[in-house]
Amino acid sequence: MKKIAILSLAAAGLLAACSPESYESAPVTVDTPQGPVVCQLYTKNLLDWDRSISRPSTVSVEDADTICKNEGVRQQQS
């Protein structure tokens, strides 16, 4: 029983360490002609996770996510 508990705790710790939340930056706001898009960016090596967390109703989720991925690339190159 002890072995199962220890393995469960180890697995939970490993999953927490690999979760996107552990790599998040502070939210970043990108001004667009349609209004501000708020992005959740991650470390500079994990651009695939970059996504929008707030957007104007006139901007689709896909477009907002693209804006955020582009911002991640911009920050990576700076």
PDB file of N, CA and C in Angstrom:
ATOM      1  N   MET A   1       0.822  -1.196   0.000  1.00  0.00           N
ATOM      2  CA  MET A   1       0.000   0.000   0.000  1.00  0.00           C
ATOM      3  C   MET A   1       0.869   1.264   0.000  1.00  0.00           C
ATOM      4  N   LYS A   2       1.956   1.231   0.771  1.00  0.00           N
ATOM      5  CA  LYS A   2       2.865   2.371   0.816  1.00  0.00           C
ATOM      6  C   LYS A   2       3.477   2.633  -0.559  1.00  0.00           C
ATOM      7  N   LYS A   3       3.817   1.549  -1.246  1.00  0.00           N
ATOM      8  CA  LYS A   3       4.449   1.669  -2.563  1.00  0.00           C
ATOM      9  C   LYS A   3       3.498   2.357  -3.551  1.00  0.00           C
ATOM     10  N   ILE A   4       2.231   2.019  -3.507  1.00  0.00           N
ATOM     11  CA  ILE A   4       1.237   2.641  -4.394  1.00  0.00           C
ATOM     12  C   ILE A   4       1.097   4.120  -4.080  1.00  0.00           C
ATOM     13  N   ALA A   5       1.075   4.466  -2.817  1.00  0.00           N
ATOM     14  CA  ALA A   5       0.961   5.867  -2.419  1.00  0.00           C
ATOM     15  C   ALA A   5       2.165   6.668  -2.889  1.00  0.00           C
ATOM     16  N   ILE A   6       3.345   6.102  -2.736  1.00  0.00           N
ATOM     17  CA  ILE A   6       4.566   6.791  -3.164  1.00  0.00           C
ATOM     18  C   ILE A   6       4.582   6.955  -4.678  1.00  0.00           C
ATOM     19  N   LEU A   7       4.215   5.913  -5.410  1.00  0.00           N
ATOM     20  CA  LEU A   7       4.159   6.003  -6.867  1.00  0.00           C
ATOM     21  C   LEU A   7       3.112   7.015  -7.320  1.00  0.00           C
ATOM     22  N   SER A   8       1.989   7.078  -6.638  1.00  0.00           N
ATOM     23  CA  SER A   8       0.946   8.049  -6.980  1.00  0.00           C
ATOM     24  C   SER A   8       1.435   9.476  -6.770  1.00  0.00           C
ATOM     25  N   LEU A   9       2.109   9.722  -5.664  1.00  0.00           N
ATOM     26  CA  LEU A   9       2.655  11.054  -5.394  1.00  0.00           C
ATOM     27  C   LEU A   9       3.724  11.427  -6.416  1.00  0.00           C
ATOM     28  N   ALA A  10       4.559  10.472  -6.772  1.00  0.00           N
ATOM     29  CA  ALA A  10       5.606  10.740  -7.765  1.00  0.00           C
ATOM     30  C   ALA A  10       4.983  11.062  -9.125  1.00  0.00           C
ATOM     31  N   ALA A  11       3.965  10.312  -9.503  1.00  0.00           N
ATOM     32  CA  ALA A  11       3.298  10.556 -10.785  1.00  0.00           C
ATOM     33  C   ALA A  11       2.620  11.919 -10.786  1.00  0.00           C
ATOM     34  N   ALA A  12       1.970  12.278  -9.703  1.00  0.00           N
ATOM     35  CA  ALA A  12       1.310  13.582  -9.609  1.00  0.00           C
ATOM     36  C   ALA A  12       2.338  14.712  -9.695  1.00  0.00           C
ATOM     37  N   GLY A  13       3.464  14.548  -9.056  1.00  0.00           N
ATOM     38  CA  GLY A  13       4.515  15.564  -9.122  1.00  0.00           C
ATOM     39  C   GLY A  13       5.087  15.704 -10.514  1.00  0.00           C
ATOM     40  N   LEU A  14       5.260  14.593 -11.194  1.00  0.00           N
ATOM     41  CA  LEU A  14       5.776  14.628 -12.563  1.00  0.00           C
ATOM     42  C   LEU A  14       4.777  15.299 -13.492  1.00  0.00           C
ATOM     43  N   LEU A  15       3.501  14.988 -13.356  1.00  0.00           N
ATOM     44  CA  LEU A  15       2.488  15.626 -14.189  1.00  0.00           C
ATOM     45  C   LEU A  15       2.412  17.123 -13.929  1.00  0.00           C
ATOM     46  N   ALA A  16       2.530  17.533 -12.700  1.00  0.00           N
ATOM     47  CA  ALA A  16       2.490  18.965 -12.373  1.00  0.00           C
ATOM     48  C   ALA A  16       3.691  19.684 -12.970  1.00  0.00           C
ATOM     49  N   ALA A  17       4.837  19.042 -12.950  1.00  0.00           N
ATOM     50  CA  ALA A  17       6.049  19.666 -13.497  1.00  0.00           C
ATOM     51  C   ALA A  17       5.970  19.789 -15.014  1.00  0.00           C
ATOM     52  N   CYS A  18       5.195  18.941 -15.661  1.00  0.00           N
ATOM     53  CA  CYS A  18       5.092  18.954 -17.120  1.00  0.00           C
ATOM     54  C   CYS A  18       3.875  19.722 -17.611  1.00  0.00           C
ATOM     55  N   SER A  19       3.110  20.292 -16.730  1.00  0.00           N
ATOM     56  CA  SER A  19       1.906  20.994 -17.152  1.00  0.00           C
ATOM     57  C   SER A  19       2.261  22.353 -17.745  1.00  0.00           C
ATOM     58  N   PRO A  20       1.455  22.820 -18.687  1.00  0.00           N
ATOM     59  CA  PRO A  20       1.722  24.125 -19.301  1.00  0.00           C
ATOM     60  C   PRO A  20       1.795  25.265 -18.284  1.00  0.00           C
ATOM     61  N   GLU A  21       1.038  25.178 -17.205  1.00  0.00           N
ATOM     62  CA  GLU A  21       1.014  26.258 -16.221  1.00  0.00           C
ATOM     63  C   GLU A  21       2.392  26.555 -15.652  1.00  0.00           C
ATOM     64  N   SER A  22       3.244  25.545 -15.589  1.00  0.00           N
ATOM     65  CA  SER A  22       4.572  25.768 -15.010  1.00  0.00           C
ATOM     66  C   SER A  22       5.495  26.548 -15.954  1.00  0.00           C
ATOM     67  N   TYR A  23       5.062  26.752 -17.204  1.00  0.00           N
ATOM     68  CA  TYR A  23       5.872  27.471 -18.185  1.00  0.00           C
ATOM     69  C   TYR A  23       5.267  28.815 -18.581  1.00  0.00           C
ATOM     70  N   GLU A  24       4.128  29.183 -18.012  1.00  0.00           N
ATOM     71  CA  GLU A  24       3.415  30.405 -18.406  1.00  0.00           C
ATOM     72  C   GLU A  24       4.174  31.670 -18.050  1.00  0.00           C
ATOM     73  N   SER A  25       4.060  32.644 -18.929  1.00  0.00           N
ATOM     74  CA  SER A  25       4.528  33.990 -18.625  1.00  0.00           C
ATOM     75  C   SER A  25       3.331  34.792 -18.122  1.00  0.00           C
ATOM     76  N   ALA A  26       3.573  36.009 -17.729  1.00  0.00           N
ATOM     77  CA  ALA A  26       2.447  36.900 -17.426  1.00  0.00           C
ATOM     78  C   ALA A  26       1.708  37.165 -18.740  1.00  0.00           C
ATOM     79  N   PRO A  27       0.390  37.321 -18.712  1.00  0.00           N
ATOM     80  CA  PRO A  27      -0.344  37.611 -19.950  1.00  0.00           C
ATOM     81  C   PRO A  27       0.203  38.857 -20.649  1.00  0.00           C
ATOM     82  N   VAL A  28       0.182  38.814 -21.971  1.00  0.00           N
ATOM     83  CA  VAL A  28       0.697  39.892 -22.812  1.00  0.00           C
ATOM     84  C   VAL A  28      -0.454  40.411 -23.667  1.00  0.00           C
ATOM     85  N   THR A  29      -0.594  41.722 -23.767  1.00  0.00           N
ATOM     86  CA  THR A  29      -1.637  42.318 -24.596  1.00  0.00           C
ATOM     87  C   THR A  29      -1.037  42.805 -25.905  1.00  0.00           C
ATOM     88  N   VAL A  30      -1.660  42.375 -27.004  1.00  0.00           N
ATOM     89  CA  VAL A  30      -1.234  42.801 -28.339  1.00  0.00           C
ATOM     90  C   VAL A  30      -2.355  43.673 -28.901  1.00  0.00           C
ATOM     91  N   ASP A  31      -2.026  44.901 -29.238  1.00  0.00           N
ATOM     92  CA  ASP A  31      -3.020  45.799 -29.828  1.00  0.00           C
ATOM     93  C   ASP A  31      -3.179  45.483 -31.308  1.00  0.00           C
ATOM     94  N   THR A  32      -4.427  45.308 -31.741  1.00  0.00           N
ATOM     95  CA  THR A  32      -4.736  45.069 -33.145  1.00  0.00           C
ATOM     96  C   THR A  32      -5.743  46.128 -33.591  1.00  0.00           C
ATOM     97  N   PRO A  33      -5.953  46.293 -34.882  1.00  0.00           N
ATOM     98  CA  PRO A  33      -6.953  47.260 -35.353  1.00  0.00           C
ATOM     99  C   PRO A  33      -8.366  46.963 -34.815  1.00  0.00           C
ATOM    100  N   GLN A  34      -8.655  45.682 -34.522  1.00  0.00           N
ATOM    101  CA  GLN A  34      -9.974  45.312 -33.990  1.00  0.00           C
ATOM    102  C   GLN A  34     -10.067  45.474 -32.476  1.00  0.00           C
ATOM    103  N   GLY A  35      -8.942  45.669 -31.816  1.00  0.00           N
ATOM    104  CA  GLY A  35      -8.914  45.812 -30.368  1.00  0.00           C
ATOM    105  C   GLY A  35      -7.846  44.918 -29.766  1.00  0.00           C
ATOM    106  N   PRO A  36      -7.697  44.964 -28.436  1.00  0.00           N
ATOM    107  CA  PRO A  36      -6.619  44.208 -27.788  1.00  0.00           C
ATOM    108  C   PRO A  36      -6.891  42.705 -27.746  1.00  0.00           C
ATOM    109  N   VAL A  37      -5.844  41.940 -28.011  1.00  0.00           N
ATOM    110  CA  VAL A  37      -5.868  40.486 -27.858  1.00  0.00           C
ATOM    111  C   VAL A  37      -4.918  40.175 -26.711  1.00  0.00           C
ATOM    112  N   VAL A  38      -5.415  39.468 -25.712  1.00  0.00           N
ATOM    113  CA  VAL A  38      -4.576  39.097 -24.569  1.00  0.00           C
ATOM    114  C   VAL A  38      -4.071  37.681 -24.805  1.00  0.00           C
ATOM    115  N   CYS A  39      -2.768  37.534 -24.714  1.00  0.00           N
ATOM    116  CA  CYS A  39      -2.112  36.264 -25.024  1.00  0.00           C
ATOM    117  C   CYS A  39      -1.495  35.633 -23.782  1.00  0.00           C
ATOM    118  N   GLN A  40      -1.584  34.316 -23.740  1.00  0.00           N
ATOM    119  CA  GLN A  40      -0.823  33.549 -22.752  1.00  0.00           C
ATOM    120  C   GLN A  40       0.354  32.963 -23.497  1.00  0.00           C
ATOM    121  N   LEU A  41       1.533  33.468 -23.203  1.00  0.00           N
ATOM    122  CA  LEU A  41       2.746  32.972 -23.833  1.00  0.00           C
ATOM    123  C   LEU A  41       3.460  32.048 -22.858  1.00  0.00           C
ATOM    124  N   TYR A  42       4.280  31.202 -23.396  1.00  0.00           N
ATOM    125  CA  TYR A  42       5.030  30.252 -22.592  1.00  0.00           C
ATOM    126  C   TYR A  42       6.518  30.513 -22.814  1.00  0.00           C
ATOM    127  N   THR A  43       7.364  29.626 -22.404  1.00  0.00           N
ATOM    128  CA  THR A  43       8.788  29.874 -22.576  1.00  0.00           C
ATOM    129  C   THR A  43       9.116  30.040 -24.058  1.00  0.00           C
ATOM    130  N   LYS A  44      10.223  30.653 -24.342  1.00  0.00           N
ATOM    131  CA  LYS A  44      10.585  30.960 -25.726  1.00  0.00           C
ATOM    132  C   LYS A  44      10.817  29.713 -26.566  1.00  0.00           C
ATOM    133  N   ASN A  45      10.936  28.569 -25.943  1.00  0.00           N
ATOM    134  CA  ASN A  45      11.129  27.324 -26.686  1.00  0.00           C
ATOM    135  C   ASN A  45       9.818  26.568 -26.904  1.00  0.00           C
ATOM    136  N   LEU A  46       8.718  27.067 -26.382  1.00  0.00           N
ATOM    137  CA  LEU A  46       7.433  26.369 -26.475  1.00  0.00           C
ATOM    138  C   LEU A  46       6.391  27.232 -27.180  1.00  0.00           C
ATOM    139  N   LEU A  47       6.696  27.693 -28.353  1.00  0.00           N
ATOM    140  CA  LEU A  47       5.787  28.587 -29.064  1.00  0.00           C
ATOM    141  C   LEU A  47       4.488  27.902 -29.469  1.00  0.00           C
ATOM    142  N   ASP A  48       4.483  26.581 -29.593  1.00  0.00           N
ATOM    143  CA  ASP A  48       3.265  25.871 -29.992  1.00  0.00           C
ATOM    144  C   ASP A  48       2.147  26.022 -28.969  1.00  0.00           C
ATOM    145  N   TRP A  49       2.476  26.303 -27.723  1.00  0.00           N
ATOM    146  CA  TRP A  49       1.458  26.441 -26.685  1.00  0.00           C
ATOM    147  C   TRP A  49       0.869  27.849 -26.622  1.00  0.00           C
ATOM    148  N   ASP A  50       1.508  28.839 -27.227  1.00  0.00           N
ATOM    149  CA  ASP A  50       1.028  30.224 -27.160  1.00  0.00           C
ATOM    150  C   ASP A  50      -0.404  30.296 -27.690  1.00  0.00           C
ATOM    151  N   ARG A  51      -1.265  31.023 -26.949  1.00  0.00           N
ATOM    152  CA  ARG A  51      -2.682  31.091 -27.334  1.00  0.00           C
ATOM    153  C   ARG A  51      -3.307  32.352 -26.774  1.00  0.00           C
ATOM    154  N   SER A  52      -4.471  32.679 -27.310  1.00  0.00           N
ATOM    155  CA  SER A  52      -5.195  33.843 -26.810  1.00  0.00           C
ATOM    156  C   SER A  52      -6.041  33.438 -25.608  1.00  0.00           C
ATOM    157  N   ILE A  53      -6.183  34.372 -24.672  1.00  0.00           N
ATOM    158  CA  ILE A  53      -7.063  34.127 -23.527  1.00  0.00           C
ATOM    159  C   ILE A  53      -8.182  35.163 -23.476  1.00  0.00           C
ATOM    160  N   SER A  54      -8.075  36.183 -24.317  1.00  0.00           N
ATOM    161  CA  SER A  54      -9.129  37.197 -24.425  1.00  0.00           C
ATOM    162  C   SER A  54      -8.967  37.868 -25.780  1.00  0.00           C
ATOM    163  N   ARG A  55     -10.101  38.177 -26.417  1.00  0.00           N
ATOM    164  CA  ARG A  55     -10.069  38.767 -27.746  1.00  0.00           C
ATOM    165  C   ARG A  55     -11.343  39.540 -27.988  1.00  0.00           C
ATOM    166  N   PRO A  56     -11.311  40.512 -28.912  1.00  0.00           N
ATOM    167  CA  PRO A  56     -12.540  41.205 -29.280  1.00  0.00           C
ATOM    168  C   PRO A  56     -13.482  40.228 -29.995  1.00  0.00           C
ATOM    169  N   SER A  57     -14.755  40.461 -29.918  1.00  0.00           N
ATOM    170  CA  SER A  57     -15.730  39.564 -30.557  1.00  0.00           C
ATOM    171  C   SER A  57     -15.585  39.545 -32.075  1.00  0.00           C
ATOM    172  N   THR A  58     -14.941  40.561 -32.631  1.00  0.00           N
ATOM    173  CA  THR A  58     -14.750  40.624 -34.086  1.00  0.00           C
ATOM    174  C   THR A  58     -13.532  39.836 -34.561  1.00  0.00           C
ATOM    175  N   VAL A  59     -12.799  39.228 -33.642  1.00  0.00           N
ATOM    176  CA  VAL A  59     -11.616  38.431 -33.977  1.00  0.00           C
ATOM    177  C   VAL A  59     -11.917  36.977 -33.628  1.00  0.00           C
ATOM    178  N   SER A  60     -11.740  36.075 -34.591  1.00  0.00           N
ATOM    179  CA  SER A  60     -11.986  34.655 -34.330  1.00  0.00           C
ATOM    180  C   SER A  60     -10.924  34.092 -33.387  1.00  0.00           C
ATOM    181  N   VAL A  61     -11.239  32.982 -32.770  1.00  0.00           N
ATOM    182  CA  VAL A  61     -10.282  32.314 -31.889  1.00  0.00           C
ATOM    183  C   VAL A  61      -9.031  31.945 -32.684  1.00  0.00           C
ATOM    184  N   GLU A  62      -9.222  31.421 -33.878  1.00  0.00           N
ATOM    185  CA  GLU A  62      -8.068  31.029 -34.705  1.00  0.00           C
ATOM    186  C   GLU A  62      -7.178  32.224 -35.021  1.00  0.00           C
ATOM    187  N   ASP A  63      -7.795  33.346 -35.394  1.00  0.00           N
ATOM    188  CA  ASP A  63      -7.009  34.546 -35.705  1.00  0.00           C
ATOM    189  C   ASP A  63      -6.305  35.074 -34.458  1.00  0.00           C
ATOM    190  N   ALA A  64      -7.004  35.073 -33.337  1.00  0.00           N
ATOM    191  CA  ALA A  64      -6.394  35.551 -32.092  1.00  0.00           C
ATOM    192  C   ALA A  64      -5.224  34.656 -31.688  1.00  0.00           C
ATOM    193  N   ASP A  65      -5.386  33.347 -31.832  1.00  0.00           N
ATOM    194  CA  ASP A  65      -4.286  32.434 -31.512  1.00  0.00           C
ATOM    195  C   ASP A  65      -3.093  32.671 -32.435  1.00  0.00           C
ATOM    196  N   THR A  66      -3.358  32.943 -33.711  1.00  0.00           N
ATOM    197  CA  THR A  66      -2.279  33.242 -34.654  1.00  0.00           C
ATOM    198  C   THR A  66      -1.552  34.520 -34.247  1.00  0.00           C
ATOM    199  N   ILE A  67      -2.302  35.531 -33.828  1.00  0.00           N
ATOM    200  CA  ILE A  67      -1.699  36.775 -33.347  1.00  0.00           C
ATOM    201  C   ILE A  67      -0.772  36.475 -32.169  1.00  0.00           C
ATOM    202  N   CYS A  68      -1.222  35.615 -31.276  1.00  0.00           N
ATOM    203  CA  CYS A  68      -0.416  35.281 -30.100  1.00  0.00           C
ATOM    204  C   CYS A  68       0.820  34.467 -30.471  1.00  0.00           C
ATOM    205  N   LYS A  69       0.675  33.528 -31.390  1.00  0.00           N
ATOM    206  CA  LYS A  69       1.836  32.761 -31.827  1.00  0.00           C
ATOM    207  C   LYS A  69       2.856  33.684 -32.493  1.00  0.00           C
ATOM    208  N   ASN A  70       2.374  34.635 -33.280  1.00  0.00           N
ATOM    209  CA  ASN A  70       3.283  35.605 -33.908  1.00  0.00           C
ATOM    210  C   ASN A  70       3.979  36.468 -32.862  1.00  0.00           C
ATOM    211  N   GLU A  71       3.265  36.830 -31.801  1.00  0.00           N
ATOM    212  CA  GLU A  71       3.885  37.604 -30.724  1.00  0.00           C
ATOM    213  C   GLU A  71       4.944  36.769 -30.020  1.00  0.00           C
ATOM    214  N   GLY A  72       4.671  35.495 -29.831  1.00  0.00           N
ATOM    215  CA  GLY A  72       5.674  34.600 -29.230  1.00  0.00           C
ATOM    216  C   GLY A  72       6.931  34.534 -30.080  1.00  0.00           C
ATOM    217  N   VAL A  73       6.760  34.441 -31.403  1.00  0.00           N
ATOM    218  CA  VAL A  73       7.906  34.421 -32.314  1.00  0.00           C
ATOM    219  C   VAL A  73       8.656  35.757 -32.222  1.00  0.00           C
ATOM    220  N   ARG A  74       7.913  36.858 -32.199  1.00  0.00           N
ATOM    221  CA  ARG A  74       8.539  38.174 -32.109  1.00  0.00           C
ATOM    222  C   ARG A  74       9.386  38.286 -30.844  1.00  0.00           C
ATOM    223  N   GLN A  75       8.827  37.818 -29.718  1.00  0.00           N
ATOM    224  CA  GLN A  75       9.568  37.894 -28.463  1.00  0.00           C
ATOM    225  C   GLN A  75      10.756  36.938 -28.454  1.00  0.00           C
ATOM    226  N   GLN A  76      10.616  35.791 -29.122  1.00  0.00           N
ATOM    227  CA  GLN A  76      11.708  34.842 -29.198  1.00  0.00           C
ATOM    228  C   GLN A  76      12.891  35.424 -29.946  1.00  0.00           C
ATOM    229  N   GLN A  77      12.604  36.224 -30.982  1.00  0.00           N
ATOM    230  CA  GLN A  77      13.654  36.784 -31.815  1.00  0.00           C
ATOM    231  C   GLN A  77      14.261  38.063 -31.251  1.00  0.00           C
ATOM    232  N   SER A  78      13.653  38.594 -30.199  1.00  0.00           N
ATOM    233  CA  SER A  78      14.197  39.851 -29.626  1.00  0.00           C
ATOM    234  C   SER A  78      15.214  39.582 -28.544  1.00  0.00           C
TER     235      SER A  78
END
